[in-house]
Protein backbone atom coordinates (compact mmCIF):
# COMPACT_ATOMS: atom_id res chain seq x y z
CA UNK A 1 0.00 0.00 0.00
CA UNK A 2 1.09 3.57 -0.65
CA UNK A 3 1.24 5.87 2.36
CA UNK A 4 0.97 9.63 1.89
CA UNK A 5 3.25 11.67 4.13
CA UNK A 6 2.19 15.18 5.09
CA UNK A 7 4.75 17.67 3.75
CA UNK A 8 5.21 19.47 7.07
CA UNK A 9 5.73 16.12 8.82
CA UNK A 10 8.32 15.23 6.18
CA UNK A 11 10.11 18.58 6.68
CA UNK A 12 10.13 18.12 10.45
CA UNK A 13 11.41 14.54 10.18
CA UNK A 14 14.18 15.42 7.72
CA UNK A 15 15.29 18.35 9.88
CA UNK A 16 15.59 15.90 12.76
CA UNK A 17 18.10 13.87 10.75
CA UNK A 18 20.14 16.79 9.41
CA UNK A 19 23.01 18.52 11.22
CA UNK A 20 21.93 21.61 13.17
CA UNK A 21 23.55 23.98 10.63
CA UNK A 22 21.56 22.51 7.69
CA UNK A 23 17.77 23.07 7.74
CA UNK A 24 14.84 22.63 5.37
CA UNK A 25 13.00 25.93 5.70
CA UNK A 26 10.15 25.20 3.29
CA UNK A 27 8.78 22.28 1.32
CA UNK A 28 6.24 22.06 -1.48
CA UNK A 29 4.86 19.53 -3.90
CA UNK A 30 6.08 19.80 -7.51
CA UNK A 31 5.24 18.11 -10.80
CA UNK A 32 6.55 14.57 -11.21
CA UNK A 33 8.72 15.69 -14.15
CA UNK A 34 10.51 18.39 -12.09
CA UNK A 35 14.29 18.06 -12.25
CA UNK A 36 16.27 19.84 -9.52
CA UNK A 37 19.07 20.77 -11.90
CA UNK A 38 17.20 21.59 -15.10
CA UNK A 39 13.83 22.87 -13.86
CA UNK A 40 15.06 25.26 -11.15
CA UNK A 41 14.47 28.91 -12.01
CA UNK A 42 16.98 30.39 -9.55
CA UNK A 43 19.44 29.57 -6.80
CA UNK A 44 18.98 30.84 -3.28
């Protein structure tokens, strides 16, 4: 079965695994064909 994970729960869980100086500040759902390298419009 497929389990849907709430995005804020995912952000909180990932932040718990990351070092204190690396944080996920926001999270959002994107299209399935999104590519982090080629679809990004800008760098932060």
